[in-house]
Amino acid sequence: MIPAIIAFAVFLFLGVPVSFSLGSSSLIYLLVEGKPIGLVAQRMFTGIDSFPFMAIPFFVLAGELMNRAGISKRLIDLADVFVGRLRGGLGHVNVLTSMFFAGITGSAVADTSSEGPIIIPAMVAAGYDADYAAAITCASSVIGPIIPPSIPFVTYSLVSATSVAALFMSGLIPGILLGVSQMIANAIISKKRNYPRSERWPSPKEIGRAIVRGIIPLFMPLIILGGIIGGIFTPTEAAAVAVLYALLISLLVFKTIGWKDIRGALIETAKTTGVVFLLIGCSNVFNWALVVEQIPQSIALFIGKTITNKYLLLLLINIFLLIVGCFMEGTAAIIILSPLLLQITQPFGISPIMLGTLIVLNLMIGLVTPPVGLCLFIACNIAKRPIEAVSKALVPFLIASIITLLLVTYFEPLSMWLPRLLGYA
């Protein structure tokens, strides 16, 4: 197994896509061990042959449709009537919009790409530093995969055999807490720099119009969560219902998309799903090889002998995942690392639900950190600012995110209270 692990590390260092790195190193393992190479295809197919995997393309498609329907402006206007009058109002609007957006797309990249072109120029025009506007935009986007529905949670549930509904519930409070912590950071910085607030309170007519325009997209997460909790449909069926709802309001209510947009959404969904499924299939081969060689068991045994404190283990896992998130794409890291971390944490009595929340939260923070922080790159491109300058402005929000992470880590009810209340744990 050592040649395969070395090959995997070399492939990653050379910039080979993670899925091909996993598949190639697995093939090397089979050749070295003299096992039939047909196992690659067999294990890949086994890895994706699961009905719950249908939730992934459906959730992606629902997010794509809503994104193309132009919901960003509606959500920004809705957030503005609630927090725009506060000091640093557009910063608060930015974060609150991301919290709204989270319940619709579940994607940090979609959040930055859709919200950024509208809110960043507006913040700069209002007197905010461009670096700061880009920083708060990409920082708040990580809320997207924490508040349900969440594609990373769906991915984790499938590789860990954990309830999707339980994971959705476990991410709700941490996601809201993450948004609140970033709004607190924005309030402190805005007061120090004297960033502007809205000149006047919105009129009742403006408030009513913003609520009517913005509330329709927000029914989607309510339908998804309500249907799952009420036992009306499974998470996979909920994803299909989300697509139907997105189609109906985009075509019949908003009337902002046509068949060309639907075709584009289907193409993007196929691309995203293909990447995710290839990752899952190749990682299943690699993880199978690790299990055959009993590497996860050996690591778990070693850690069990050297670390006896659960809280120290959780701290080390957080540090490890934060570092991994800086260098590896989140979905790939979830698929590769979740089985190993489950093996390690099981003897300590750490809930797989709580572990999933910590894994996703850590890796999503990695989306805004160099060198591979995709949301950071997108925000910098929109603001036309260098990564170094935006990264510096990002520090207060990273601190707020890490404080939230530590609270979720060491105060278990933040992630487990809702799943237990609803009977999922």
Protein backbone atom coordinates (compact mmCIF):
# COMPACT_ATOMS: atom_id res chain seq x y z
CA MET A 1 0.00 0.00 0.00
CA ILE A 2 2.96 2.33 0.57
CA PRO A 3 3.72 2.70 -3.19
CA ALA A 4 0.07 3.63 -3.81
CA ILE A 5 0.04 6.24 -1.02
CA ILE A 6 3.32 7.75 -2.29
CA ALA A 7 1.90 7.81 -5.83
CA PHE A 8 -1.25 9.54 -4.58
CA ALA A 9 0.81 12.24 -2.84
CA VAL A 10 2.99 12.74 -5.93
CA PHE A 11 -0.05 13.01 -8.22
CA LEU A 12 -1.62 15.64 -5.96
CA PHE A 13 1.66 17.58 -5.81
CA LEU A 14 1.81 17.57 -9.62
CA GLY A 15 -1.70 19.00 -9.82
CA VAL A 16 -3.44 15.89 -11.14
CA PRO A 17 -7.20 16.07 -10.36
CA VAL A 18 -8.06 14.28 -7.12
CA SER A 19 -10.33 11.69 -8.74
CA PHE A 20 -7.64 10.64 -11.24
CA SER A 21 -5.04 10.63 -8.46
CA LEU A 22 -7.21 8.26 -6.43
CA GLY A 23 -7.96 6.00 -9.40
CA SER A 24 -4.34 5.85 -10.60
CA SER A 25 -2.90 5.15 -7.16
CA SER A 26 -5.53 2.44 -6.60
CA LEU A 27 -4.51 0.85 -9.91
CA ILE A 28 -0.87 0.92 -8.78
CA TYR A 29 -1.87 -0.87 -5.57
CA LEU A 30 -3.66 -3.62 -7.50
CA LEU A 31 -0.71 -4.10 -9.87
CA VAL A 32 1.85 -4.23 -7.04
CA GLU A 33 -0.26 -6.67 -5.01
CA GLY A 34 -1.06 -8.82 -8.04
CA LYS A 35 -4.82 -8.37 -7.74
CA PRO A 36 -7.13 -8.25 -10.81
CA ILE A 37 -7.40 -4.71 -12.19
CA GLY A 38 -11.06 -5.36 -12.95
CA LEU A 39 -11.64 -4.56 -9.29
CA VAL A 40 -11.27 -0.86 -10.16
CA ALA A 41 -14.40 -0.83 -12.30
CA GLN A 42 -16.23 -3.14 -9.91
CA ARG A 43 -15.52 -1.04 -6.81
CA MET A 44 -16.22 2.22 -8.66
CA PHE A 45 -19.66 1.00 -9.71
CA THR A 46 -20.38 -0.32 -6.22
CA GLY A 47 -19.43 3.07 -4.79
CA ILE A 48 -22.07 4.98 -6.75
CA ASP A 49 -24.76 2.28 -6.96
CA SER A 50 -27.01 3.83 -4.32
CA PHE A 51 -30.47 5.39 -4.66
CA PRO A 52 -29.77 8.21 -2.13
CA PHE A 53 -27.06 9.51 -4.50
CA MET A 54 -29.92 10.81 -6.67
CA ALA A 55 -30.26 13.64 -4.15
CA ILE A 56 -26.99 15.19 -5.34
CA PRO A 57 -27.96 16.01 -8.97
CA PHE A 58 -31.45 17.10 -7.88
CA PHE A 59 -30.15 19.55 -5.25
CA VAL A 60 -27.54 20.86 -7.70
CA LEU A 61 -30.19 21.36 -10.39
CA ALA A 62 -32.55 23.13 -7.97
CA GLY A 63 -29.77 25.52 -6.99
CA GLU A 64 -28.82 26.15 -10.63
CA LEU A 65 -32.41 26.94 -11.60
CA MET A 66 -32.94 29.34 -8.69
CA ASN A 67 -29.61 30.99 -9.39
CA ARG A 68 -30.48 31.58 -13.05
CA ALA A 69 -33.89 32.93 -12.03
CA GLY A 70 -32.17 35.99 -10.56
CA ILE A 71 -33.03 35.52 -6.89
CA SER A 72 -29.90 37.34 -5.65
CA LYS A 73 -31.38 40.85 -6.07
CA ARG A 74 -34.63 39.78 -4.39
CA LEU A 75 -32.79 38.34 -1.37
CA ILE A 76 -30.50 41.39 -1.09
CA ASP A 77 -33.54 43.71 -1.08
CA LEU A 78 -35.20 41.53 1.57
CA ALA A 79 -32.12 41.59 3.79
CA ASP A 80 -31.78 45.35 3.33
CA VAL A 81 -35.18 46.12 4.86
CA PHE A 82 -34.17 44.24 8.03
CA VAL A 83 -30.57 45.35 8.63
CA GLY A 84 -29.73 48.07 6.09
CA ARG A 85 -30.34 50.89 8.60
CA LEU A 86 -27.65 49.60 11.00
CA ARG A 87 -24.06 50.90 10.98
CA GLY A 88 -22.25 48.95 8.27
CA GLY A 89 -25.66 48.06 6.89
CA LEU A 90 -24.51 46.71 3.53
CA GLY A 91 -22.07 44.40 5.31
CA HIS A 92 -24.95 43.04 7.39
CA VAL A 93 -27.05 42.76 4.23
CA ASN A 94 -24.22 40.77 2.64
CA VAL A 95 -24.13 38.22 5.48
CA LEU A 96 -27.90 37.96 5.87
CA THR A 97 -28.33 37.45 2.13
CA SER A 98 -25.84 34.57 2.31
CA MET A 99 -27.93 33.03 5.10
CA PHE A 100 -31.03 33.31 2.91
CA PHE A 101 -29.10 31.99 -0.09
CA ALA A 102 -27.88 29.02 1.97
CA GLY A 103 -31.38 27.65 2.29
CA ILE A 104 -31.84 27.68 -1.48
CA THR A 105 -28.61 26.56 -3.18
CA GLY A 106 -26.50 25.00 -0.40
CA SER A 107 -23.39 26.05 -2.33
CA ALA A 108 -20.71 28.54 -1.25
CA VAL A 109 -19.42 28.98 -4.80
CA ALA A 110 -22.93 29.74 -6.13
CA ASP A 111 -23.39 32.27 -3.33
CA THR A 112 -20.17 34.16 -4.13
CA SER A 113 -20.76 34.02 -7.89
CA SER A 114 -24.38 35.23 -7.72
CA GLU A 115 -24.32 37.68 -4.84
CA GLY A 116 -20.83 39.10 -5.44
CA PRO A 117 -21.43 40.99 -8.73
CA ILE A 118 -24.35 42.84 -7.11
CA ILE A 119 -23.27 43.48 -3.52
CA ILE A 120 -19.52 44.16 -3.97
CA PRO A 121 -19.95 47.11 -6.40
CA ALA A 122 -22.79 48.44 -4.21
CA MET A 123 -20.58 48.34 -1.11
CA VAL A 124 -17.68 50.04 -2.91
CA ALA A 125 -19.99 52.76 -4.25
CA ALA A 126 -21.28 53.34 -0.70
CA GLY A 127 -17.77 53.95 0.64
CA TYR A 128 -16.57 50.52 1.77
CA ASP A 129 -13.03 49.40 0.94
CA ALA A 130 -13.04 47.06 -2.07
CA ASP A 131 -10.85 44.58 -0.16
CA TYR A 132 -13.32 44.55 2.71
CA ALA A 133 -16.32 44.13 0.41
CA ALA A 134 -14.69 41.13 -1.29
CA ALA A 135 -13.60 39.65 2.05
CA ILE A 136 -17.01 39.73 3.72
CA THR A 137 -18.65 38.39 0.54
CA CYS A 138 -16.46 35.29 0.34
CA ALA A 139 -16.43 34.82 4.15
CA SER A 140 -20.22 34.81 4.39
CA SER A 141 -20.53 32.41 1.46
CA VAL A 142 -19.29 29.50 3.62
CA ILE A 143 -22.62 29.67 5.46
CA GLY A 144 -24.20 28.17 2.32
CA PRO A 145 -23.13 24.54 2.82
CA ILE A 146 -23.84 24.64 6.59
CA ILE A 147 -27.50 25.72 6.62
CA PRO A 148 -29.67 23.04 4.94
CA PRO A 149 -30.10 21.89 2.26
CA SER A 150 -26.41 21.16 1.87
CA ILE A 151 -24.65 19.16 -0.83
CA PRO A 152 -21.58 18.48 1.41
CA PHE A 153 -23.91 17.06 4.08
CA VAL A 154 -25.55 14.82 1.48
CA THR A 155 -22.10 13.63 0.37
CA TYR A 156 -21.00 12.93 3.95
CA SER A 157 -24.23 11.06 4.70
CA LEU A 158 -23.66 8.74 1.76
CA VAL A 159 -20.05 7.86 2.61
CA SER A 160 -20.78 7.53 6.34
CA ALA A 161 -24.26 5.92 6.29
CA THR A 162 -25.57 8.79 8.45
CA SER A 163 -29.10 10.21 8.19
CA VAL A 164 -29.28 13.18 5.82
CA ALA A 165 -32.16 14.64 7.83
CA ALA A 166 -30.10 14.45 11.03
CA LEU A 167 -27.19 16.22 9.34
CA PHE A 168 -29.46 18.93 7.95
CA MET A 169 -30.82 19.58 11.44
CA SER A 170 -27.33 19.53 12.98
CA GLY A 171 -26.13 22.27 10.62
CA LEU A 172 -28.99 24.71 11.20
CA ILE A 173 -27.88 26.26 14.53
CA PRO A 174 -24.13 26.32 13.67
CA GLY A 175 -24.97 27.99 10.33
CA ILE A 176 -27.04 30.70 12.01
CA LEU A 177 -24.35 31.14 14.68
CA LEU A 178 -21.71 31.51 11.96
CA GLY A 179 -23.76 34.26 10.31
CA VAL A 180 -24.30 36.07 13.62
CA SER A 181 -20.57 35.94 14.44
CA GLN A 182 -19.71 37.48 11.08
CA MET A 183 -22.30 40.21 11.56
CA ILE A 184 -20.75 41.00 14.96
CA ALA A 185 -17.32 41.24 13.30
CA ASN A 186 -18.80 43.52 10.64
CA ALA A 187 -20.45 45.73 13.29
CA ILE A 188 -17.15 46.18 15.17
CA ILE A 189 -15.16 46.99 12.03
CA SER A 190 -17.88 49.27 10.63
CA LYS A 191 -18.00 51.29 13.84
CA LYS A 192 -14.21 51.61 13.89
CA ARG A 193 -14.02 52.68 10.22
CA ASN A 194 -17.27 54.66 10.29
CA TYR A 195 -18.80 52.74 7.41
CA PRO A 196 -22.17 54.17 6.33
CA ARG A 197 -25.68 53.12 7.16
CA SER A 198 -28.84 53.60 5.10
CA GLU A 199 -29.98 57.22 5.16
CA ARG A 200 -33.60 56.40 5.97
CA TRP A 201 -35.84 53.63 7.18
CA PRO A 202 -37.73 51.87 4.38
CA SER A 203 -41.40 52.74 4.06
CA PRO A 204 -44.08 50.14 4.88
CA LYS A 205 -44.74 49.83 1.14
CA GLU A 206 -41.05 49.12 0.42
CA ILE A 207 -40.91 46.58 3.26
CA GLY A 208 -44.03 44.81 2.00
CA ARG A 209 -42.74 44.72 -1.58
CA ALA A 210 -39.34 43.33 -0.51
CA ILE A 211 -40.97 40.64 1.63
CA VAL A 212 -43.37 39.58 -1.13
CA ARG A 213 -40.55 39.43 -3.71
CA GLY A 214 -38.08 37.67 -1.41
CA ILE A 215 -40.26 35.27 0.54
CA ILE A 216 -41.17 33.07 -2.43
CA PRO A 217 -37.64 31.61 -2.92
CA LEU A 218 -37.36 31.07 0.85
CA PHE A 219 -40.33 28.71 0.80
CA MET A 220 -38.08 26.12 -0.85
CA PRO A 221 -35.98 25.26 2.25
CA LEU A 222 -39.16 25.31 4.36
CA ILE A 223 -40.80 22.80 2.02
CA ILE A 224 -37.68 20.60 2.01
CA LEU A 225 -37.15 20.59 5.78
CA GLY A 226 -40.85 20.47 6.62
CA GLY A 227 -41.41 17.55 4.28
CA ILE A 228 -38.46 15.59 5.66
CA ILE A 229 -39.31 16.26 9.32
CA GLY A 230 -42.99 15.54 8.75
CA GLY A 231 -42.19 12.24 7.05
CA ILE A 232 -43.92 13.35 3.84
CA PHE A 233 -40.91 12.47 1.69
CA THR A 234 -37.36 11.19 1.99
CA PRO A 235 -34.34 13.50 1.50
CA THR A 236 -33.93 12.14 -2.04
CA GLU A 237 -37.58 12.83 -2.83
CA ALA A 238 -37.20 16.25 -1.18
CA ALA A 239 -34.45 17.08 -3.67
CA ALA A 240 -36.79 16.21 -6.56
CA VAL A 241 -39.54 18.35 -5.01
CA ALA A 242 -37.03 21.22 -4.77
CA VAL A 243 -36.39 20.96 -8.53
CA LEU A 244 -40.13 21.02 -9.26
CA TYR A 245 -40.63 24.07 -7.02
CA ALA A 246 -37.66 25.87 -8.59
CA LEU A 247 -39.04 25.20 -12.07
CA LEU A 248 -42.55 26.36 -11.21
CA ILE A 249 -41.58 29.67 -9.61
CA SER A 250 -38.86 30.41 -12.19
CA LEU A 251 -41.11 29.75 -15.19
CA LEU A 252 -44.55 30.74 -13.92
CA VAL A 253 -43.99 33.25 -11.10
CA PHE A 254 -40.73 35.09 -11.77
CA LYS A 255 -40.83 34.39 -15.53
CA THR A 256 -37.10 35.11 -15.65
CA ILE A 257 -35.79 31.95 -17.32
CA GLY A 258 -36.41 30.25 -20.64
CA TRP A 259 -35.62 26.90 -22.17
CA LYS A 260 -32.08 28.09 -22.93
CA ASP A 261 -31.53 28.72 -19.20
CA ILE A 262 -32.97 25.33 -18.30
CA ARG A 263 -30.66 23.68 -20.83
CA GLY A 264 -27.69 25.54 -19.31
CA ALA A 265 -28.73 24.48 -15.81
CA LEU A 266 -28.97 20.84 -16.91
CA ILE A 267 -25.51 20.99 -18.51
CA GLU A 268 -23.94 22.51 -15.38
CA THR A 269 -25.72 19.93 -13.22
CA ALA A 270 -24.37 17.11 -15.39
CA LYS A 271 -20.83 18.51 -15.12
CA THR A 272 -21.00 18.92 -11.34
CA THR A 273 -22.62 15.52 -10.82
CA GLY A 274 -20.05 13.85 -13.07
CA VAL A 275 -17.19 15.31 -11.05
CA VAL A 276 -18.76 14.30 -7.72
CA PHE A 277 -19.65 10.77 -8.85
CA LEU A 278 -16.19 10.21 -10.33
CA LEU A 279 -14.70 11.30 -7.01
CA ILE A 280 -16.99 8.97 -5.07
CA GLY A 281 -16.28 6.02 -7.36
CA CYS A 282 -12.48 6.45 -7.33
CA SER A 283 -12.38 7.11 -3.60
CA ASN A 284 -14.37 3.93 -3.00
CA VAL A 285 -11.60 1.93 -4.71
CA PHE A 286 -8.91 3.71 -2.69
CA ASN A 287 -10.79 3.33 0.60
CA TRP A 288 -11.36 -0.35 -0.15
CA ALA A 289 -7.60 -0.79 -0.56
CA LEU A 290 -6.99 0.99 2.75
CA VAL A 291 -9.48 -1.28 4.53
CA VAL A 292 -7.96 -4.41 2.98
CA GLU A 293 -4.56 -3.35 4.34
CA GLN A 294 -6.22 -2.44 7.70
CA ILE A 295 -4.68 1.03 7.64
CA PRO A 296 -7.69 2.85 9.21
CA GLN A 297 -7.81 0.26 11.98
CA SER A 298 -4.07 0.63 12.63
CA ILE A 299 -4.33 4.43 12.78
CA ALA A 300 -7.36 4.23 15.10
CA LEU A 301 -5.49 1.80 17.37
CA PHE A 302 -2.42 4.05 17.46
CA ILE A 303 -4.46 7.15 18.29
CA GLY A 304 -6.42 5.24 20.92
CA LYS A 305 -3.16 4.38 22.67
CA THR A 306 -1.58 7.85 22.42
CA ILE A 307 -4.61 10.14 22.91
CA THR A 308 -7.06 9.46 25.73
CA ASN A 309 -8.79 12.85 25.92
CA LYS A 310 -11.77 13.33 23.60
CA TYR A 311 -11.46 17.12 23.60
CA LEU A 312 -7.79 17.01 22.64
CA LEU A 313 -8.69 14.65 19.79
CA LEU A 314 -11.39 17.04 18.57
CA LEU A 315 -8.93 19.94 18.64
CA LEU A 316 -6.38 17.95 16.62
CA ILE A 317 -9.08 16.92 14.12
CA ASN A 318 -10.09 20.58 13.69
CA ILE A 319 -6.50 21.67 13.10
CA PHE A 320 -5.95 18.82 10.63
CA LEU A 321 -9.16 19.58 8.69
CA LEU A 322 -8.47 23.32 8.56
CA ILE A 323 -5.07 22.58 7.01
CA VAL A 324 -6.56 20.05 4.58
CA GLY A 325 -9.25 22.57 3.61
CA CYS A 326 -6.55 25.04 2.56
CA PHE A 327 -5.15 22.59 0.00
CA MET A 328 -7.94 20.18 -1.02
CA GLU A 329 -11.41 20.70 -2.47
CA GLY A 330 -14.13 20.07 0.11
CA THR A 331 -16.06 17.26 -1.59
CA ALA A 332 -12.89 15.27 -2.24
CA ALA A 333 -11.74 15.71 1.36
CA ILE A 334 -15.13 14.60 2.72
CA ILE A 335 -15.13 11.46 0.59
CA ILE A 336 -11.52 10.52 1.37
CA LEU A 337 -11.28 11.43 5.06
CA SER A 338 -14.73 10.68 6.50
CA PRO A 339 -14.33 6.87 6.73
CA LEU A 340 -10.95 7.28 8.44
CA LEU A 341 -12.17 9.92 10.91
CA LEU A 342 -15.24 7.83 11.75
CA GLN A 343 -12.96 4.92 12.60
CA ILE A 344 -10.80 7.14 14.81
CA THR A 345 -13.62 8.89 16.69
CA GLN A 346 -15.88 5.89 17.27
CA PRO A 347 -14.03 4.63 20.40
CA PHE A 348 -14.37 8.10 21.95
CA GLY A 349 -18.16 8.12 21.63
CA ILE A 350 -18.24 11.07 19.24
CA SER A 351 -21.50 11.12 17.29
CA PRO A 352 -21.15 10.66 13.51
CA ILE A 353 -23.68 13.49 13.17
CA MET A 354 -21.55 15.92 15.16
CA LEU A 355 -18.42 14.74 13.34
CA GLY A 356 -20.09 15.43 10.00
CA THR A 357 -20.94 18.97 11.09
CA LEU A 358 -17.33 19.59 12.16
CA ILE A 359 -15.91 18.13 8.93
CA VAL A 360 -18.13 20.28 6.71
CA LEU A 361 -17.61 23.43 8.80
CA ASN A 362 -13.82 23.04 8.77
CA LEU A 363 -13.56 22.29 5.07
CA MET A 364 -15.90 25.12 4.07
CA ILE A 365 -13.66 27.59 5.91
CA GLY A 366 -10.96 26.29 3.56
CA LEU A 367 -12.97 27.66 0.62
CA VAL A 368 -11.93 31.19 1.61
CA THR A 369 -8.28 30.53 2.43
CA PRO A 370 -5.35 30.45 -0.01
CA PRO A 371 -3.85 28.67 -1.89
CA VAL A 372 -6.95 26.90 -3.29
CA GLY A 373 -9.80 28.94 -1.78
CA LEU A 374 -12.19 29.02 -4.74
CA CYS A 375 -14.60 31.53 -3.18
CA LEU A 376 -11.66 33.81 -2.39
CA PHE A 377 -10.53 33.74 -6.02
CA ILE A 378 -14.05 34.48 -7.29
CA ALA A 379 -14.51 37.44 -4.91
CA CYS A 380 -11.08 38.84 -5.81
CA ASN A 381 -11.92 38.57 -9.50
CA ILE A 382 -15.24 40.39 -9.04
CA ALA A 383 -13.66 43.17 -6.94
CA LYS A 384 -10.56 43.26 -9.18
CA ARG A 385 -8.34 43.19 -6.11
CA PRO A 386 -5.20 41.11 -5.39
CA ILE A 387 -5.55 37.98 -3.27
CA GLU A 388 -3.00 39.25 -0.73
CA ALA A 389 -5.02 42.40 0.04
CA VAL A 390 -8.36 40.58 0.31
CA SER A 391 -6.79 37.83 2.45
CA LYS A 392 -5.64 40.48 4.93
CA ALA A 393 -9.15 41.95 5.11
CA LEU A 394 -10.50 38.42 5.57
CA VAL A 395 -8.68 37.80 8.88
CA PRO A 396 -11.41 39.17 11.25
CA PHE A 397 -14.02 36.97 9.59
CA LEU A 398 -11.78 33.91 9.75
CA ILE A 399 -11.34 34.58 13.48
CA ALA A 400 -15.14 34.82 13.87
CA SER A 401 -15.57 31.57 11.92
CA ILE A 402 -12.98 29.73 14.02
CA ILE A 403 -14.60 30.95 17.26
CA THR A 404 -17.89 29.53 15.97
CA LEU A 405 -16.11 26.28 15.09
CA LEU A 406 -14.71 25.96 18.62
CA LEU A 407 -18.13 26.65 20.15
CA VAL A 408 -19.70 23.93 18.00
CA THR A 409 -16.83 21.57 18.85
CA TYR A 410 -16.96 21.93 22.62
CA PHE A 411 -20.64 22.69 23.20
CA GLU A 412 -22.29 19.62 21.74
CA PRO A 413 -25.95 20.80 21.96
CA LEU A 414 -25.26 23.39 19.25
CA SER A 415 -25.08 20.58 16.69
CA MET A 416 -26.98 17.79 18.47
CA TRP A 417 -29.96 19.44 20.16
CA LEU A 418 -32.18 19.64 17.07
CA PRO A 419 -31.40 16.09 15.81
CA ARG A 420 -32.16 14.72 19.30
CA LEU A 421 -35.31 16.82 19.66
CA LEU A 422 -36.64 15.45 16.37
CA GLY A 423 -35.64 11.87 17.15
CA TYR A 424 -32.76 11.53 14.67
CA ALA A 425 -30.09 10.87 17.32
